[in-house]
């Protein structure tokens, strides 16, 4: 009887060990899956933050480009006003241009942009180094991605 009781206890102990081993392996696999998921979420979050940063930087570059073109428009307007005034004193013209330049800084509407101004805006924006790098990244990243896949699948 003692042997059968000892065998039953040994069987119970072995069963408990097997159950414990099974559940411990399940816990480990869930922890690994959770860690991998956390790493993927961090990677995606970092990519999204980088995209937002890049967009913000490009937006700032575009706004700076618009301000440069606006300054050109203001200078052109001021110069045409000064020539209309036909003032005798060159110093008075320069002073009035400076005053007009400060006064009309943010008073340019889109309708005042000529075709030349619009082309100048595009040129200033596109010739900025950061804009060129962003375009190169977009163009060549797509080519690299398409080259990395073949009929047999992605290159490893």
Foldseek 3Di string as FASTA:
>chain_A
DVVVVVVVVVVVVVVVVVVVVVVVVVVVVVVVVVVVVVVVVVVVVVVVVVVVVLVVVLVVQLVVLLLVLLLVLLLVVLVVVLVVVVDPDPVVSVVSSVVSSVVCSPVDDPVSQDPVSVVSSVVSSCPDPSNVVVVCCVVVVVVVVVVQADPVGGDD
